[in-house]
Amino acid sequence: MAGKMIEGPDGRYIVGTVKIGEKGQIVIPKDARDLLGLQPGDTLLVLVDRKQGIALVDNERFRNFATGVLAVQEEASADPGKEKDR
């Protein structure tokens, strides 16, 4: 599949396959890096679902996620009883 990116519905793409190296590392295909503007040193969030697999989330979504988690933690710290309602 090298070099043949497949565009699907709703801005989704199949960009290729990767192999896990001996140290557990993968290389993100260039087409995927280009689509998301990923650069060396960028941080990705790794999400795991035992039934659906692994997802890597780009920097912008990672920041939004982290900001949301911090807000929830701060809210819970300010009002510990409110966390029980979630």
PDB file of N, CA and C in Angstrom:
ATOM      1  N   MET A   1       0.828  -1.195   0.000  1.00  0.00           N
ATOM      2  CA  MET A   1       0.000   0.000   0.000  1.00  0.00           C
ATOM      3  C   MET A   1       0.869   1.254   0.000  1.00  0.00           C
ATOM      4  N   ALA A   2       2.149   1.113  -0.063  1.00  0.00           N
ATOM      5  CA  ALA A   2       3.064   2.256  -0.008  1.00  0.00           C
ATOM      6  C   ALA A   2       2.729   3.275  -1.085  1.00  0.00           C
ATOM      7  N   GLY A   3       2.582   4.537  -0.645  1.00  0.00           N
ATOM      8  CA  GLY A   3       2.340   5.620  -1.598  1.00  0.00           C
ATOM      9  C   GLY A   3       0.915   5.729  -2.099  1.00  0.00           C
ATOM     10  N   LYS A   4       0.023   4.853  -1.677  1.00  0.00           N
ATOM     11  CA  LYS A   4      -1.360   4.899  -2.138  1.00  0.00           C
ATOM     12  C   LYS A   4      -2.283   5.169  -0.965  1.00  0.00           C
ATOM     13  N   MET A   5      -2.542   6.441  -0.747  1.00  0.00           N
ATOM     14  CA  MET A   5      -3.446   6.838   0.328  1.00  0.00           C
ATOM     15  C   MET A   5      -4.871   6.719  -0.190  1.00  0.00           C
ATOM     16  N   ILE A   6      -5.764   6.161   0.623  1.00  0.00           N
ATOM     17  CA  ILE A   6      -7.159   5.993   0.253  1.00  0.00           C
ATOM     18  C   ILE A   6      -8.003   6.921   1.110  1.00  0.00           C
ATOM     19  N   GLU A   7      -8.749   7.807   0.452  1.00  0.00           N
ATOM     20  CA  GLU A   7      -9.617   8.738   1.175  1.00  0.00           C
ATOM     21  C   GLU A   7     -10.983   8.115   1.364  1.00  0.00           C
ATOM     22  N   GLY A   8     -11.455   8.139   2.608  1.00  0.00           N
ATOM     23  CA  GLY A   8     -12.764   7.601   2.931  1.00  0.00           C
ATOM     24  C   GLY A   8     -13.733   8.725   3.269  1.00  0.00           C
ATOM     25  N   PRO A   9     -14.888   8.372   3.807  1.00  0.00           N
ATOM     26  CA  PRO A   9     -15.879   9.390   4.149  1.00  0.00           C
ATOM     27  C   PRO A   9     -15.457  10.204   5.376  1.00  0.00           C
ATOM     28  N   ASP A  10     -15.988  11.390   5.483  1.00  0.00           N
ATOM     29  CA  ASP A  10     -15.824  12.227   6.673  1.00  0.00           C
ATOM     30  C   ASP A  10     -14.379  12.566   7.013  1.00  0.00           C
ATOM     31  N   GLY A  11     -13.531  12.764   6.012  1.00  0.00           N
ATOM     32  CA  GLY A  11     -12.158  13.165   6.274  1.00  0.00           C
ATOM     33  C   GLY A  11     -11.287  12.068   6.847  1.00  0.00           C
ATOM     34  N   ARG A  12     -11.662  10.837   6.646  1.00  0.00           N
ATOM     35  CA  ARG A  12     -10.872   9.703   7.137  1.00  0.00           C
ATOM     36  C   ARG A  12     -10.066   9.119   5.988  1.00  0.00           C
ATOM     37  N   TYR A  13      -8.889   8.592   6.324  1.00  0.00           N
ATOM     38  CA  TYR A  13      -7.986   8.059   5.304  1.00  0.00           C
ATOM     39  C   TYR A  13      -7.384   6.739   5.750  1.00  0.00           C
ATOM     40  N   ILE A  14      -7.064   5.903   4.801  1.00  0.00           N
ATOM     41  CA  ILE A  14      -6.185   4.763   5.027  1.00  0.00           C
ATOM     42  C   ILE A  14      -4.862   5.179   4.412  1.00  0.00           C
ATOM     43  N   VAL A  15      -3.813   5.229   5.226  1.00  0.00           N
ATOM     44  CA  VAL A  15      -2.538   5.744   4.732  1.00  0.00           C
ATOM     45  C   VAL A  15      -1.455   4.676   4.633  1.00  0.00           C
ATOM     46  N   GLY A  16      -1.728   3.472   5.059  1.00  0.00           N
ATOM     47  CA  GLY A  16      -0.728   2.424   4.944  1.00  0.00           C
ATOM     48  C   GLY A  16      -0.720   1.527   6.162  1.00  0.00           C
ATOM     49  N   THR A  17       0.288   0.699   6.226  1.00  0.00           N
ATOM     50  CA  THR A  17       0.453  -0.206   7.352  1.00  0.00           C
ATOM     51  C   THR A  17       1.810   0.052   7.993  1.00  0.00           C
ATOM     52  N   VAL A  18       1.956  -0.379   9.224  1.00  0.00           N
ATOM     53  CA  VAL A  18       3.223  -0.239   9.927  1.00  0.00           C
ATOM     54  C   VAL A  18       3.558  -1.568  10.588  1.00  0.00           C
ATOM     55  N   LYS A  19       4.846  -1.774  10.839  1.00  0.00           N
ATOM     56  CA  LYS A  19       5.294  -2.946  11.589  1.00  0.00           C
ATOM     57  C   LYS A  19       5.878  -2.477  12.905  1.00  0.00           C
ATOM     58  N   ILE A  20       5.670  -3.288  13.924  1.00  0.00           N
ATOM     59  CA  ILE A  20       6.247  -2.981  15.222  1.00  0.00           C
ATOM     60  C   ILE A  20       7.661  -3.541  15.242  1.00  0.00           C
ATOM     61  N   GLY A  21       8.621  -2.668  15.528  1.00  0.00           N
ATOM     62  CA  GLY A  21      10.016  -3.074  15.587  1.00  0.00           C
ATOM     63  C   GLY A  21      10.343  -3.821  16.865  1.00  0.00           C
ATOM     64  N   GLU A  22      11.569  -4.287  16.962  1.00  0.00           N
ATOM     65  CA  GLU A  22      12.010  -5.068  18.122  1.00  0.00           C
ATOM     66  C   GLU A  22      11.869  -4.310  19.433  1.00  0.00           C
ATOM     67  N   LYS A  23      11.963  -2.980  19.387  1.00  0.00           N
ATOM     68  CA  LYS A  23      11.843  -2.158  20.592  1.00  0.00           C
ATOM     69  C   LYS A  23      10.410  -1.657  20.801  1.00  0.00           C
ATOM     70  N   GLY A  24       9.455  -2.180  20.026  1.00  0.00           N
ATOM     71  CA  GLY A  24       8.067  -1.769  20.171  1.00  0.00           C
ATOM     72  C   GLY A  24       7.733  -0.471  19.466  1.00  0.00           C
ATOM     73  N   GLN A  25       8.621   0.010  18.604  1.00  0.00           N
ATOM     74  CA  GLN A  25       8.415   1.285  17.928  1.00  0.00           C
ATOM     75  C   GLN A  25       7.747   1.082  16.568  1.00  0.00           C
ATOM     76  N   ILE A  26       7.010   2.115  16.146  1.00  0.00           N
ATOM     77  CA  ILE A  26       6.433   2.137  14.802  1.00  0.00           C
ATOM     78  C   ILE A  26       6.818   3.447  14.134  1.00  0.00           C
ATOM     79  N   VAL A  27       6.767   3.458  12.807  1.00  0.00           N
ATOM     80  CA  VAL A  27       6.974   4.684  12.049  1.00  0.00           C
ATOM     81  C   VAL A  27       5.618   5.096  11.492  1.00  0.00           C
ATOM     82  N   ILE A  28       5.220   6.321  11.774  1.00  0.00           N
ATOM     83  CA  ILE A  28       3.946   6.833  11.266  1.00  0.00           C
ATOM     84  C   ILE A  28       4.160   7.191   9.792  1.00  0.00           C
ATOM     85  N   PRO A  29       3.317   6.663   8.891  1.00  0.00           N
ATOM     86  CA  PRO A  29       3.498   6.934   7.465  1.00  0.00           C
ATOM     87  C   PRO A  29       3.532   8.437   7.154  1.00  0.00           C
ATOM     88  N   LYS A  30       4.356   8.801   6.188  1.00  0.00           N
ATOM     89  CA  LYS A  30       4.544  10.208   5.803  1.00  0.00           C
ATOM     90  C   LYS A  30       3.220  10.879   5.456  1.00  0.00           C
ATOM     91  N   ASP A  31       2.358  10.180   4.710  1.00  0.00           N
ATOM     92  CA  ASP A  31       1.062  10.777   4.353  1.00  0.00           C
ATOM     93  C   ASP A  31       0.268  11.162   5.602  1.00  0.00           C
ATOM     94  N   ALA A  32       0.297  10.318   6.635  1.00  0.00           N
ATOM     95  CA  ALA A  32      -0.422  10.623   7.883  1.00  0.00           C
ATOM     96  C   ALA A  32       0.217  11.811   8.580  1.00  0.00           C
ATOM     97  N   ARG A  33       1.554  11.838   8.632  1.00  0.00           N
ATOM     98  CA  ARG A  33       2.246  12.975   9.263  1.00  0.00           C
ATOM     99  C   ARG A  33       1.924  14.266   8.524  1.00  0.00           C
ATOM    100  N   ASP A  34       1.925  14.214   7.206  1.00  0.00           N
ATOM    101  CA  ASP A  34       1.629  15.412   6.406  1.00  0.00           C
ATOM    102  C   ASP A  34       0.183  15.883   6.607  1.00  0.00           C
ATOM    103  N   LEU A  35      -0.766  14.957   6.626  1.00  0.00           N
ATOM    104  CA  LEU A  35      -2.177  15.320   6.806  1.00  0.00           C
ATOM    105  C   LEU A  35      -2.412  16.042   8.128  1.00  0.00           C
ATOM    106  N   LEU A  36      -1.705  15.611   9.175  1.00  0.00           N
ATOM    107  CA  LEU A  36      -1.911  16.188  10.501  1.00  0.00           C
ATOM    108  C   LEU A  36      -0.876  17.233  10.874  1.00  0.00           C
ATOM    109  N   GLY A  37       0.099  17.468   9.996  1.00  0.00           N
ATOM    110  CA  GLY A  37       1.132  18.452  10.290  1.00  0.00           C
ATOM    111  C   GLY A  37       2.044  18.028  11.426  1.00  0.00           C
ATOM    112  N   LEU A  38       2.265  16.725  11.562  1.00  0.00           N
ATOM    113  CA  LEU A  38       3.107  16.213  12.643  1.00  0.00           C
ATOM    114  C   LEU A  38       4.575  16.415  12.332  1.00  0.00           C
ATOM    115  N   GLN A  39       5.326  16.808  13.343  1.00  0.00           N
ATOM    116  CA  GLN A  39       6.759  17.074  13.206  1.00  0.00           C
ATOM    117  C   GLN A  39       7.524  16.244  14.235  1.00  0.00           C
ATOM    118  N   PRO A  40       8.817  15.992  13.981  1.00  0.00           N
ATOM    119  CA  PRO A  40       9.623  15.292  14.987  1.00  0.00           C
ATOM    120  C   PRO A  40       9.533  16.020  16.333  1.00  0.00           C
ATOM    121  N   GLY A  41       9.367  15.262  17.391  1.00  0.00           N
ATOM    122  CA  GLY A  41       9.257  15.838  18.726  1.00  0.00           C
ATOM    123  C   GLY A  41       7.825  16.111  19.170  1.00  0.00           C
ATOM    124  N   ASP A  42       6.858  16.062  18.235  1.00  0.00           N
ATOM    125  CA  ASP A  42       5.457  16.253  18.605  1.00  0.00           C
ATOM    126  C   ASP A  42       5.013  15.120  19.529  1.00  0.00           C
ATOM    127  N   THR A  43       3.996  15.393  20.328  1.00  0.00           N
ATOM    128  CA  THR A  43       3.451  14.412  21.254  1.00  0.00           C
ATOM    129  C   THR A  43       2.137  13.873  20.708  1.00  0.00           C
ATOM    130  N   LEU A  44       1.974  12.563  20.792  1.00  0.00           N
ATOM    131  CA  LEU A  44       0.720  11.924  20.416  1.00  0.00           C
ATOM    132  C   LEU A  44       0.151  11.213  21.634  1.00  0.00           C
ATOM    133  N   LEU A  45      -1.157  11.229  21.760  1.00  0.00           N
ATOM    134  CA  LEU A  45      -1.849  10.508  22.814  1.00  0.00           C
ATOM    135  C   LEU A  45      -2.184   9.124  22.267  1.00  0.00           C
ATOM    136  N   VAL A  46      -1.887   8.080  23.021  1.00  0.00           N
ATOM    137  CA  VAL A  46      -2.171   6.706  22.607  1.00  0.00           C
ATOM    138  C   VAL A  46      -3.411   6.235  23.369  1.00  0.00           C
ATOM    139  N   LEU A  47      -4.451   5.893  22.619  1.00  0.00           N
ATOM    140  CA  LEU A  47      -5.688   5.385  23.198  1.00  0.00           C
ATOM    141  C   LEU A  47      -5.785   3.899  22.877  1.00  0.00           C
ATOM    142  N   VAL A  48      -6.220   3.098  23.847  1.00  0.00           N
ATOM    143  CA  VAL A  48      -6.312   1.657  23.644  1.00  0.00           C
ATOM    144  C   VAL A  48      -7.696   1.172  24.053  1.00  0.00           C
ATOM    145  N   ASP A  49      -8.302   0.396  23.171  1.00  0.00           N
ATOM    146  CA  ASP A  49      -9.555  -0.276  23.448  1.00  0.00           C
ATOM    147  C   ASP A  49      -9.329  -1.739  23.087  1.00  0.00           C
ATOM    148  N   ARG A  50      -9.506  -2.631  24.035  1.00  0.00           N
ATOM    149  CA  ARG A  50      -9.202  -4.049  23.778  1.00  0.00           C
ATOM    150  C   ARG A  50      -9.994  -4.624  22.616  1.00  0.00           C
ATOM    151  N   LYS A  51     -11.178  -4.091  22.347  1.00  0.00           N
ATOM    152  CA  LYS A  51     -12.004  -4.608  21.252  1.00  0.00           C
ATOM    153  C   LYS A  51     -11.712  -3.909  19.927  1.00  0.00           C
ATOM    154  N   GLN A  52     -11.417  -2.613  19.970  1.00  0.00           N
ATOM    155  CA  GLN A  52     -11.256  -1.845  18.733  1.00  0.00           C
ATOM    156  C   GLN A  52      -9.807  -1.589  18.342  1.00  0.00           C
ATOM    157  N   GLY A  53      -8.874  -1.698  19.269  1.00  0.00           N
ATOM    158  CA  GLY A  53      -7.469  -1.527  18.934  1.00  0.00           C
ATOM    159  C   GLY A  53      -6.862  -0.250  19.492  1.00  0.00           C
ATOM    160  N   ILE A  54      -5.883   0.259  18.760  1.00  0.00           N
ATOM    161  CA  ILE A  54      -5.101   1.420  19.189  1.00  0.00           C
ATOM    162  C   ILE A  54      -5.407   2.610  18.285  1.00  0.00           C
ATOM    163  N   ALA A  55      -5.467   3.791  18.884  1.00  0.00           N
ATOM    164  CA  ALA A  55      -5.614   5.031  18.124  1.00  0.00           C
ATOM    165  C   ALA A  55      -4.554   6.010  18.605  1.00  0.00           C
ATOM    166  N   LEU A  56      -3.971   6.743  17.682  1.00  0.00           N
ATOM    167  CA  LEU A  56      -3.037   7.814  18.009  1.00  0.00           C
ATOM    168  C   LEU A  56      -3.747   9.126  17.765  1.00  0.00           C
ATOM    169  N   VAL A  57      -3.674  10.031  18.725  1.00  0.00           N
ATOM    170  CA  VAL A  57      -4.377  11.303  18.628  1.00  0.00           C
ATOM    171  C   VAL A  57      -3.356  12.420  18.484  1.00  0.00           C
ATOM    172  N   ASP A  58      -3.579  13.314  17.522  1.00  0.00           N
ATOM    173  CA  ASP A  58      -2.619  14.383  17.221  1.00  0.00           C
ATOM    174  C   ASP A  58      -2.570  15.453  18.308  1.00  0.00           C
ATOM    175  N   ASN A  59      -1.625  16.362  18.157  1.00  0.00           N
ATOM    176  CA  ASN A  59      -1.337  17.375  19.179  1.00  0.00           C
ATOM    177  C   ASN A  59      -2.534  18.222  19.574  1.00  0.00           C
ATOM    178  N   GLU A  60      -3.289  18.708  18.618  1.00  0.00           N
ATOM    179  CA  GLU A  60      -4.424  19.590  18.936  1.00  0.00           C
ATOM    180  C   GLU A  60      -5.458  18.850  19.780  1.00  0.00           C
ATOM    181  N   ARG A  61      -5.795  17.647  19.376  1.00  0.00           N
ATOM    182  CA  ARG A  61      -6.759  16.864  20.147  1.00  0.00           C
ATOM    183  C   ARG A  61      -6.175  16.464  21.496  1.00  0.00           C
ATOM    184  N   PHE A  62      -4.871  16.190  21.539  1.00  0.00           N
ATOM    185  CA  PHE A  62      -4.200  15.876  22.801  1.00  0.00           C
ATOM    186  C   PHE A  62      -4.320  17.055  23.762  1.00  0.00           C
ATOM    187  N   ARG A  63      -4.053  18.277  23.270  1.00  0.00           N
ATOM    188  CA  ARG A  63      -4.159  19.467  24.119  1.00  0.00           C
ATOM    189  C   ARG A  63      -5.594  19.652  24.616  1.00  0.00           C
ATOM    190  N   ASN A  64      -6.566  19.487  23.723  1.00  0.00           N
ATOM    191  CA  ASN A  64      -7.969  19.626  24.123  1.00  0.00           C
ATOM    192  C   ASN A  64      -8.334  18.600  25.184  1.00  0.00           C
ATOM    193  N   PHE A  65      -7.864  17.364  25.008  1.00  0.00           N
ATOM    194  CA  PHE A  65      -8.117  16.304  25.976  1.00  0.00           C
ATOM    195  C   PHE A  65      -7.494  16.658  27.323  1.00  0.00           C
ATOM    196  N   ALA A  66      -6.220  17.051  27.297  1.00  0.00           N
ATOM    197  CA  ALA A  66      -5.507  17.380  28.532  1.00  0.00           C
ATOM    198  C   ALA A  66      -6.163  18.554  29.254  1.00  0.00           C
ATOM    199  N   THR A  67      -6.580  19.564  28.507  1.00  0.00           N
ATOM    200  CA  THR A  67      -7.250  20.722  29.099  1.00  0.00           C
ATOM    201  C   THR A  67      -8.555  20.285  29.774  1.00  0.00           C
ATOM    202  N   GLY A  68      -9.289  19.401  29.115  1.00  0.00           N
ATOM    203  CA  GLY A  68     -10.537  18.894  29.684  1.00  0.00           C
ATOM    204  C   GLY A  68     -10.308  18.089  30.953  1.00  0.00           C
ATOM    205  N   VAL A  69      -9.276  17.233  30.937  1.00  0.00           N
ATOM    206  CA  VAL A  69      -8.963  16.433  32.123  1.00  0.00           C
ATOM    207  C   VAL A  69      -8.589  17.335  33.283  1.00  0.00           C
ATOM    208  N   LEU A  70      -7.752  18.340  33.021  1.00  0.00           N
ATOM    209  CA  LEU A  70      -7.355  19.266  34.086  1.00  0.00           C
ATOM    210  C   LEU A  70      -8.553  20.019  34.645  1.00  0.00           C
ATOM    211  N   ALA A  71      -9.467  20.427  33.768  1.00  0.00           N
ATOM    212  CA  ALA A  71     -10.653  21.152  34.222  1.00  0.00           C
ATOM    213  C   ALA A  71     -11.510  20.269  35.124  1.00  0.00           C
ATOM    214  N   VAL A  72     -11.677  19.005  34.757  1.00  0.00           N
ATOM    215  CA  VAL A  72     -12.462  18.082  35.570  1.00  0.00           C
ATOM    216  C   VAL A  72     -11.791  17.861  36.922  1.00  0.00           C
ATOM    217  N   GLN A  73     -10.454  17.704  36.910  1.00  0.00           N
ATOM    218  CA  GLN A  73      -9.734  17.509  38.165  1.00  0.00           C
ATOM    219  C   GLN A  73      -9.844  18.728  39.068  1.00  0.00           C
ATOM    220  N   GLU A  74      -9.716  19.921  38.479  1.00  0.00           N
ATOM    221  CA  GLU A  74      -9.823  21.145  39.272  1.00  0.00           C
ATOM    222  C   GLU A  74     -11.228  21.296  39.844  1.00  0.00           C
ATOM    223  N   GLU A  75     -12.228  20.968  39.039  1.00  0.00           N
ATOM    224  CA  GLU A  75     -13.612  21.054  39.491  1.00  0.00           C
ATOM    225  C   GLU A  75     -13.850  20.074  40.638  1.00  0.00           C
ATOM    226  N   ALA A  76     -13.316  18.862  40.515  1.00  0.00           N
ATOM    227  CA  ALA A  76     -13.483  17.849  41.570  1.00  0.00           C
ATOM    228  C   ALA A  76     -12.767  18.275  42.844  1.00  0.00           C
ATOM    229  N   SER A  77     -11.616  18.916  42.699  1.00  0.00           N
ATOM    230  CA  SER A  77     -10.876  19.381  43.879  1.00  0.00           C
ATOM    231  C   SER A  77     -11.621  20.505  44.600  1.00  0.00           C
ATOM    232  N   ALA A  78     -12.265  21.368  43.809  1.00  0.00           N
ATOM    233  CA  ALA A  78     -12.989  22.497  44.385  1.00  0.00           C
ATOM    234  C   ALA A  78     -14.274  22.044  45.083  1.00  0.00           C
ATOM    235  N   ASP A  79     -14.921  20.996  44.545  1.00  0.00           N
ATOM    236  CA  ASP A  79     -16.175  20.511  45.101  1.00  0.00           C
ATOM    237  C   ASP A  79     -16.172  18.987  45.055  1.00  0.00           C
ATOM    238  N   PRO A  80     -15.513  18.327  46.015  1.00  0.00           N
ATOM    239  CA  PRO A  80     -15.368  16.864  46.001  1.00  0.00           C
ATOM    240  C   PRO A  80     -16.686  16.096  45.904  1.00  0.00           C
ATOM    241  N   GLY A  81     -17.767  16.603  46.423  1.00  0.00           N
ATOM    242  CA  GLY A  81     -19.053  15.929  46.355  1.00  0.00           C
ATOM    243  C   GLY A  81     -19.631  15.885  44.957  1.00  0.00           C
ATOM    244  N   LYS A  82     -19.247  16.835  44.116  1.00  0.00           N
ATOM    245  CA  LYS A  82     -19.782  16.903  42.764  1.00  0.00           C
ATOM    246  C   LYS A  82     -19.297  15.762  41.890  1.00  0.00           C
ATOM    247  N   GLU A  83     -18.097  15.237  42.143  1.00  0.00           N
ATOM    248  CA  GLU A  83     -17.520  14.155  41.348  1.00  0.00           C
ATOM    249  C   GLU A  83     -18.385  12.889  41.430  1.00  0.00           C
ATOM    250  N   LYS A  84     -19.067  12.689  42.567  1.00  0.00           N
ATOM    251  CA  LYS A  84     -19.916  11.511  42.728  1.00  0.00           C
ATOM    252  C   LYS A  84     -21.089  11.517  41.762  1.00  0.00           C
ATOM    253  N   ASP A  85     -21.492  12.707  41.290  1.00  0.00           N
ATOM    254  CA  ASP A  85     -22.621  12.829  40.378  1.00  0.00           C
ATOM    255  C   ASP A  85     -22.289  12.385  38.965  1.00  0.00           C
ATOM    256  N   ARG A  86     -21.022  12.239  38.641  1.00  0.00           N
ATOM    257  CA  ARG A  86     -20.611  11.926  37.259  1.00  0.00           C
ATOM    258  C   ARG A  86     -20.810  10.478  36.939  1.00  0.00           C
TER     259      ARG A  86
END
